[in-house]
Protein backbone atom coordinates (compact mmCIF):
# COMPACT_ATOMS: atom_id res chain seq x y z
CA UNK A 1 99.39 9.06 -61.88
CA UNK A 2 96.15 9.17 -63.88
CA UNK A 3 96.10 5.50 -64.87
CA UNK A 4 94.05 4.29 -61.87
CA UNK A 5 91.46 7.02 -62.49
CA UNK A 6 91.16 5.97 -66.14
CA UNK A 7 90.72 2.40 -65.03
CA UNK A 8 88.00 3.33 -62.64
CA UNK A 9 86.26 5.52 -65.25
CA UNK A 10 86.38 2.67 -67.78
CA UNK A 11 84.88 0.30 -65.21
CA UNK A 12 82.12 2.76 -64.37
CA UNK A 13 81.41 3.31 -68.08
CA UNK A 14 80.98 -0.39 -68.65
CA UNK A 15 78.79 -0.78 -65.58
CA UNK A 16 76.59 2.15 -66.79
CA UNK A 17 76.32 0.75 -70.26
CA UNK A 18 75.36 -2.71 -68.94
CA UNK A 19 72.76 -1.11 -66.67
CA UNK A 20 71.22 0.90 -69.54
CA UNK A 21 71.18 -2.23 -71.73
CA UNK A 22 69.41 -4.15 -69.03
CA UNK A 23 66.85 -1.38 -68.51
CA UNK A 24 65.97 -1.04 -72.24
CA UNK A 25 65.90 -4.77 -72.72
CA UNK A 26 63.43 -5.13 -69.84
CA UNK A 27 61.30 -2.32 -71.17
CA UNK A 28 61.17 -4.15 -74.52
CA UNK A 29 60.11 -7.26 -72.65
CA UNK A 30 57.39 -5.33 -70.82
CA UNK A 31 56.04 -3.91 -74.02
CA UNK A 32 56.07 -7.29 -75.77
CA UNK A 33 54.28 -8.96 -72.85
CA UNK A 34 51.73 -6.21 -72.49
CA UNK A 35 50.79 -6.30 -76.19
CA UNK A 36 51.00 -10.11 -76.64
CA UNK A 37 49.85 -11.24 -79.16
CA UNK A 38 50.27 -8.00 -81.13
CA UNK A 39 48.09 -9.07 -84.06
CA UNK A 40 44.74 -8.03 -85.54
CA UNK A 41 44.86 -4.44 -84.43
CA UNK A 42 41.54 -2.67 -84.60
CA UNK A 43 40.00 0.79 -84.33
CA UNK A 44 36.75 1.23 -82.44
CA UNK A 45 34.36 4.12 -81.97
CA UNK A 46 34.66 3.93 -78.21
CA UNK A 47 36.56 6.49 -76.18
CA UNK A 48 39.98 4.94 -75.63
CA UNK A 49 40.34 6.80 -72.34
CA UNK A 50 36.94 5.76 -70.91
CA UNK A 51 38.55 2.90 -68.89
CA UNK A 52 40.28 5.49 -66.67
CA UNK A 53 37.00 6.49 -65.01
CA UNK A 54 35.32 3.14 -65.29
CA UNK A 55 34.57 1.01 -62.22
CA UNK A 56 37.35 -1.34 -61.13
CA UNK A 57 37.07 -4.88 -62.55
CA UNK A 58 34.55 -6.97 -60.67
CA UNK A 59 36.79 -9.99 -60.60
CA UNK A 60 40.36 -8.96 -59.73
CA UNK A 61 42.24 -12.15 -58.77
CA UNK A 62 45.18 -12.22 -56.52
CA UNK A 63 47.24 -13.78 -59.33
CA UNK A 64 46.52 -10.81 -61.64
CA UNK A 65 47.33 -8.26 -58.98
CA UNK A 66 50.54 -10.05 -57.96
CA UNK A 67 51.60 -10.38 -61.60
CA UNK A 68 51.02 -6.68 -62.34
CA UNK A 69 53.14 -5.64 -59.38
CA UNK A 70 55.95 -8.07 -60.03
CA UNK A 71 56.40 -7.42 -63.68
CA UNK A 72 57.07 -3.64 -63.02
CA UNK A 73 59.29 -4.21 -59.97
CA UNK A 74 62.48 -4.92 -62.01
CA UNK A 75 61.66 -1.91 -64.22
CA UNK A 76 61.55 0.32 -61.11
CA UNK A 77 64.71 -1.24 -59.70
CA UNK A 78 66.75 -0.76 -62.86
CA UNK A 79 65.46 2.80 -63.55
CA UNK A 80 66.28 3.81 -59.97
CA UNK A 81 69.85 2.53 -60.42
CA UNK A 82 70.20 4.54 -63.63
CA UNK A 83 68.84 7.74 -62.06
CA UNK A 84 70.90 7.35 -58.90
CA UNK A 85 73.95 8.69 -60.71
CA UNK A 86 72.17 11.96 -61.35
CA UNK A 87 70.14 12.50 -58.19
CA UNK A 88 69.57 11.20 -54.65
CA UNK A 89 67.65 7.96 -54.50
CA UNK A 90 64.88 9.59 -52.38
CA UNK A 91 64.06 11.81 -55.37
CA UNK A 92 64.63 9.14 -57.95
CA UNK A 93 61.88 7.05 -56.32
CA UNK A 94 59.20 9.55 -57.38
CA UNK A 95 60.54 9.89 -60.91
CA UNK A 96 60.46 6.08 -61.17
CA UNK A 97 56.84 5.96 -59.99
CA UNK A 98 55.93 8.64 -62.59
CA UNK A 99 57.68 6.72 -65.37
CA UNK A 100 55.92 3.50 -64.30
CA UNK A 101 52.55 5.34 -64.37
CA UNK A 102 53.14 6.78 -67.85
CA UNK A 103 54.44 3.46 -69.29
CA UNK A 104 51.51 1.46 -67.85
CA UNK A 105 49.06 4.10 -69.10
CA UNK A 106 50.46 3.82 -72.62
CA UNK A 107 50.25 0.04 -72.57
CA UNK A 108 46.65 0.06 -71.35
CA UNK A 109 45.66 2.55 -74.00
CA UNK A 110 47.21 0.41 -76.73
CA UNK A 111 45.41 -2.67 -75.37
CA UNK A 112 42.17 -0.97 -76.41
CA UNK A 113 43.10 -1.66 -79.99
CA UNK A 114 43.89 -5.37 -79.49
CA UNK A 115 41.18 -8.01 -79.54
CA UNK A 116 41.21 -10.19 -76.48
CA UNK A 117 42.95 -7.56 -74.32
CA UNK A 118 41.11 -5.28 -71.89
CA UNK A 119 42.36 -1.98 -70.59
CA UNK A 120 42.04 -1.59 -66.84
CA UNK A 121 42.63 1.31 -64.46
CA UNK A 122 43.44 -1.23 -61.72
CA UNK A 123 46.32 -2.50 -63.82
CA UNK A 124 47.78 1.00 -63.97
CA UNK A 125 47.58 1.30 -60.20
CA UNK A 126 49.23 -2.05 -59.54
CA UNK A 127 51.90 -1.52 -62.20
CA UNK A 128 52.78 1.89 -60.71
CA UNK A 129 52.93 0.30 -57.26
CA UNK A 130 55.36 -2.34 -58.64
CA UNK A 131 57.65 0.34 -60.15
CA UNK A 132 57.60 2.28 -56.86
CA UNK A 133 58.44 -0.89 -54.89
CA UNK A 134 61.32 -1.67 -57.25
CA UNK A 135 62.78 1.78 -56.68
CA UNK A 136 62.60 1.23 -52.93
CA UNK A 137 64.36 -2.11 -53.32
CA UNK A 138 67.21 -0.29 -55.05
CA UNK A 139 68.11 1.17 -51.71
CA UNK A 140 69.69 -2.16 -50.65
CA UNK A 141 72.46 -1.59 -53.24
CA UNK A 142 73.75 1.42 -51.24
CA UNK A 143 76.48 0.01 -48.98
CA UNK A 144 76.69 3.20 -46.87
CA UNK A 145 72.98 3.39 -46.06
CA UNK A 146 70.55 1.13 -44.17
CA UNK A 147 69.41 -1.52 -45.11
CA UNK A 148 72.24 -1.81 -47.68
CA UNK A 149 74.80 -1.86 -44.91
CA UNK A 150 73.16 -5.01 -43.46
CA UNK A 151 73.07 -6.70 -46.82
CA UNK A 152 76.73 -6.00 -47.64
CA UNK A 153 77.83 -7.05 -44.18
CA UNK A 154 75.86 -10.28 -44.47
CA UNK A 155 77.25 -11.02 -47.91
CA UNK A 156 80.85 -10.43 -46.78
CA UNK A 157 80.43 -12.57 -43.71
CA UNK A 158 78.82 -15.65 -45.26
CA UNK A 159 80.00 -15.85 -48.92
CA UNK A 160 83.28 -16.12 -50.77
CA UNK A 161 84.55 -12.80 -52.18
CA UNK A 162 84.47 -11.84 -55.86
CA UNK A 163 82.17 -10.87 -58.66
CA UNK A 164 81.74 -14.49 -59.78
CA UNK A 165 80.21 -15.38 -56.42
CA UNK A 166 77.93 -12.36 -56.80
CA UNK A 167 76.68 -13.89 -60.06
CA UNK A 168 76.05 -17.15 -58.24
CA UNK A 169 73.98 -15.37 -55.61
CA UNK A 170 71.99 -13.73 -58.40
CA UNK A 171 71.28 -17.23 -59.77
CA UNK A 172 69.67 -18.11 -56.43
CA UNK A 173 67.35 -15.20 -57.16
CA UNK A 174 66.44 -16.85 -60.48
CA UNK A 175 65.51 -19.93 -58.61
CA UNK A 176 63.14 -17.83 -56.45
CA UNK A 177 61.53 -16.51 -59.64
CA UNK A 178 60.94 -20.11 -60.83
CA UNK A 179 58.69 -20.70 -57.81
CA UNK A 180 56.10 -18.37 -59.34
CA UNK A 181 55.48 -20.96 -62.03
CA UNK A 182 52.27 -23.01 -62.10
CA UNK A 183 54.01 -26.34 -62.57
CA UNK A 184 56.39 -28.63 -60.72
CA UNK A 185 58.63 -27.89 -58.75
CA UNK A 186 56.42 -24.97 -57.73
CA UNK A 187 54.12 -25.95 -54.87
CA UNK A 188 51.11 -24.68 -56.80
CA UNK A 189 52.05 -27.03 -59.68
CA UNK A 190 48.77 -26.79 -61.55
CA UNK A 191 46.55 -27.10 -58.48
CA UNK A 192 44.88 -23.82 -59.44
CA UNK A 193 43.19 -25.82 -62.22
CA UNK A 194 43.07 -29.43 -61.02
CA UNK A 195 42.30 -29.08 -57.30
CA UNK A 196 44.29 -30.15 -54.27
CA UNK A 197 45.18 -33.62 -52.98
CA UNK A 198 46.82 -33.26 -49.55
CA UNK A 199 48.62 -36.28 -48.08
CA UNK A 200 45.87 -37.02 -45.54
CA UNK A 201 43.42 -37.48 -48.40
CA UNK A 202 45.75 -39.42 -50.66
CA UNK A 203 44.37 -42.74 -51.84
CA UNK A 204 46.16 -45.91 -50.68
CA UNK A 205 46.67 -46.94 -54.30
CA UNK A 206 50.35 -46.16 -55.01
CA UNK A 207 49.70 -46.27 -58.77
CA UNK A 208 48.17 -42.80 -58.42
CA UNK A 209 51.27 -41.32 -56.82
CA UNK A 210 53.40 -39.30 -59.32
CA UNK A 211 56.85 -40.65 -58.55
CA UNK A 212 58.55 -38.43 -61.16
CA UNK A 213 57.32 -35.38 -59.26
CA UNK A 214 58.91 -36.77 -56.05
CA UNK A 215 62.22 -36.96 -57.87
CA UNK A 216 61.79 -33.42 -59.21
CA UNK A 217 61.26 -31.98 -55.73
CA UNK A 218 64.12 -34.08 -54.30
CA UNK A 219 66.68 -33.13 -56.94
CA UNK A 220 65.67 -29.46 -56.98
CA UNK A 221 66.12 -28.98 -53.26
CA UNK A 222 69.32 -31.02 -52.98
CA UNK A 223 70.76 -29.27 -56.04
CA UNK A 224 69.87 -25.80 -54.66
CA UNK A 225 71.52 -26.59 -51.33
CA UNK A 226 74.68 -28.02 -52.88
CA UNK A 227 74.99 -25.08 -55.31
CA UNK A 228 74.66 -22.61 -52.39
CA UNK A 229 77.35 -24.58 -50.51
CA UNK A 230 79.85 -23.84 -53.28
CA UNK A 231 79.35 -20.11 -52.68
CA UNK A 232 79.63 -20.12 -48.87
CA UNK A 233 82.88 -19.03 -47.18
CA UNK A 234 85.03 -21.84 -45.82
CA UNK A 235 84.91 -20.14 -42.42
CA UNK A 236 81.45 -21.65 -41.95
CA UNK A 237 80.44 -25.28 -41.75
CA UNK A 238 78.83 -26.39 -44.96
CA UNK A 239 76.12 -28.70 -43.49
CA UNK A 240 74.41 -26.14 -41.18
CA UNK A 241 74.61 -23.45 -43.89
CA UNK A 242 73.09 -25.84 -46.50
CA UNK A 243 70.30 -26.80 -44.11
CA UNK A 244 69.60 -23.10 -43.52
CA UNK A 245 69.35 -22.62 -47.31
CA UNK A 246 67.04 -25.63 -47.51
CA UNK A 247 64.75 -24.26 -44.77
CA UNK A 248 64.71 -20.79 -46.41
CA UNK A 249 63.89 -22.39 -49.80
CA UNK A 250 60.93 -24.29 -48.38
CA UNK A 251 59.68 -21.15 -46.66
CA UNK A 252 59.90 -19.24 -49.90
CA UNK A 253 58.03 -21.99 -51.72
CA UNK A 254 55.06 -21.43 -49.42
CA UNK A 255 55.45 -17.64 -49.67
CA UNK A 256 55.29 -17.86 -53.45
CA UNK A 257 52.20 -20.11 -53.26
CA UNK A 258 50.60 -17.60 -50.90
CA UNK A 259 50.82 -14.97 -53.66
CA UNK A 260 48.44 -17.06 -55.77
CA UNK A 261 46.29 -18.82 -53.13
CA UNK A 262 44.34 -17.99 -50.01
CA UNK A 263 46.19 -18.69 -46.78
CA UNK A 264 43.68 -21.32 -45.40
CA UNK A 265 44.37 -23.63 -48.38
CA UNK A 266 48.22 -23.57 -48.17
CA UNK A 267 48.28 -26.72 -45.98
CA UNK A 268 46.49 -28.59 -48.73
CA UNK A 269 49.59 -28.21 -50.88
CA UNK A 270 51.29 -30.85 -48.74
CA UNK A 271 50.69 -33.74 -51.11
CA UNK A 272 52.45 -37.12 -50.91
CA UNK A 273 54.75 -35.99 -53.79
CA UNK A 274 55.68 -32.70 -52.04
CA UNK A 275 56.38 -34.23 -48.60
CA UNK A 276 58.28 -37.18 -49.96
CA UNK A 277 60.31 -35.06 -52.40
CA UNK A 278 61.28 -32.40 -49.83
CA UNK A 279 62.15 -35.04 -47.21
CA UNK A 280 64.28 -37.10 -49.62
CA UNK A 281 65.94 -33.91 -50.91
CA UNK A 282 67.00 -33.01 -47.31
CA UNK A 283 68.29 -36.54 -46.70
CA UNK A 284 70.30 -36.55 -49.92
CA UNK A 285 71.73 -33.10 -49.07
CA UNK A 286 72.79 -34.20 -45.59
CA UNK A 287 74.40 -37.43 -46.83
CA UNK A 288 76.49 -35.60 -49.48
CA UNK A 289 77.51 -32.83 -47.10
CA UNK A 290 78.41 -35.30 -44.33
CA UNK A 291 80.81 -37.15 -46.59
CA UNK A 292 82.28 -34.07 -48.24
CA UNK A 293 85.21 -32.22 -46.71
CA UNK A 294 85.51 -29.71 -49.54
CA UNK A 295 83.06 -27.71 -51.57
CA UNK A 296 80.72 -30.14 -53.34
CA UNK A 297 81.28 -29.12 -56.97
CA UNK A 298 81.01 -32.60 -58.41
CA UNK A 299 77.91 -33.55 -56.41
CA UNK A 300 76.21 -30.24 -57.26
CA UNK A 301 76.85 -30.85 -60.96
CA UNK A 302 75.53 -34.39 -60.85
CA UNK A 303 72.34 -33.45 -58.99
CA UNK A 304 71.59 -30.43 -61.17
CA UNK A 305 72.11 -32.42 -64.41
CA UNK A 306 69.82 -35.10 -63.05
CA UNK A 307 67.28 -32.44 -62.20
CA UNK A 308 67.21 -31.14 -65.80
CA UNK A 309 66.98 -34.69 -67.10
CA UNK A 310 63.95 -35.65 -64.93
CA UNK A 311 62.24 -32.37 -65.83
CA UNK A 312 62.54 -33.15 -69.50
CA UNK A 313 61.28 -36.69 -68.91
CA UNK A 314 58.30 -35.36 -66.98
CA UNK A 315 57.56 -32.92 -69.80
CA UNK A 316 56.49 -35.77 -72.11
CA UNK A 317 52.75 -35.73 -72.54
CA UNK A 318 51.17 -39.19 -72.56
CA UNK A 319 48.26 -39.36 -75.05
CA UNK A 320 46.04 -42.29 -76.15
CA UNK A 321 47.96 -42.47 -79.42
CA UNK A 322 51.42 -42.47 -77.84
CA UNK A 323 53.91 -40.12 -76.20
CA UNK A 324 54.69 -36.75 -77.63
CA UNK A 325 57.07 -33.95 -76.55
CA UNK A 326 56.02 -30.27 -76.98
CA UNK A 327 58.33 -27.99 -78.95
CA UNK A 328 59.19 -26.10 -75.70
CA UNK A 329 57.86 -28.29 -72.90
CA UNK A 330 58.41 -26.02 -69.92
CA UNK A 331 56.61 -22.93 -71.19
CA UNK A 332 52.82 -23.03 -71.23
CA UNK A 333 50.75 -19.98 -72.04
CA UNK A 334 52.23 -16.53 -72.61
CA UNK A 335 55.98 -16.81 -72.10
CA UNK A 336 56.21 -13.04 -71.54
CA UNK A 337 54.14 -12.77 -68.36
CA UNK A 338 55.40 -13.63 -64.83
CA UNK A 339 54.16 -17.18 -64.69
CA UNK A 340 55.40 -17.89 -68.22
CA UNK A 341 58.80 -16.41 -67.41
CA UNK A 342 58.92 -18.32 -64.13
CA UNK A 343 58.11 -21.49 -66.09
CA UNK A 344 61.10 -20.79 -68.30
CA UNK A 345 63.28 -20.23 -65.22
CA UNK A 346 62.60 -23.82 -64.04
CA UNK A 347 64.90 -24.94 -66.79
CA UNK A 348 67.14 -21.91 -67.19
CA UNK A 349 68.34 -21.53 -63.60
CA UNK A 350 69.80 -25.04 -63.21
CA UNK A 351 71.45 -24.77 -66.61
CA UNK A 352 73.05 -21.48 -65.60
CA UNK A 353 74.01 -22.96 -62.20
CA UNK A 354 75.79 -25.78 -64.01
CA UNK A 355 77.60 -23.29 -66.27
CA UNK A 356 78.55 -21.27 -63.19
CA UNK A 357 80.07 -24.31 -61.50
CA UNK A 358 82.08 -25.36 -64.62
CA UNK A 359 83.40 -21.89 -65.44
CA UNK A 360 84.08 -21.23 -61.75
CA UNK A 361 86.34 -24.23 -61.57
CA UNK A 362 88.30 -22.98 -64.58
CA UNK A 363 88.60 -19.44 -63.24
CA UNK A 364 89.26 -20.32 -59.59
CA UNK A 365 90.73 -23.86 -59.51
CA UNK A 366 92.23 -23.33 -56.01
CA UNK A 367 88.83 -22.87 -54.30
């Protein structure tokens, strides 16, 4: 009689342990990123709390504000899930905001003792806002409350059942994170530093067109659509669903770019490489879906493997003395901030998607 209860208790214990591990791991990542590089500590005669009443930074870029909010959002989300087992989520939100405030305050104080790092009261405000927003997002995990009811109904209607499919949906979230990178296949793709070349200003000389970037955009979008098609319930037609994923992905690309850039310049991101890559990606996706009567596992694997290969090829740096490959080509700058982590995701998410497809075929060969 008690066996089912012990089974449920064991499952809950494992879920709680995994949640705590994720929370503490992310806190460690936050601390490491906030204090990077944690070398050459110094002690000054200045009041280490003076920054709290100082004027806000004169130059607060949208990139910095966005980064500060986003890095604390997962912290707020995970902590809210941990606290939900002890209190109502409406109360947990305020405890999460307080925890975010205290953690950010501690990090800013410690930055006073690191050369090259500047403590900022604006960072504390934006970090706290990120933790608060993360706690609010945790509400979608409550299946009996709005908007969680909508999310769970949508998931049940459109996707295959099972925890393995849930993992695949989470991988789509990792793709979204990769769009906050400053390199291809993000739409920003370095334009913050090198300027913009929209298609209507592109030179007629085709030698200046970066064909490898066209392939990157094409393979990324086709691979994303095909991977999503393997998760969708057979009750729905694959082609319209894949096109819907494609359209949502393009929209999110521009949304991610809008977090870094001013809205009037977004149209200038439409370079020859972007337009050609997105268009060819849609065509490739439609061709494969039109000829496929089952879930396109094989096609998704082939496209995602090609995507990784062309990314590695594009990572080679051409120099006057020859061609060299960086030790870790897809991470530039601090790997522990949002843009650095997003840069890592450009390689990690397709590799995880490939693993998901291979393991999924072994676990569920009948699908």
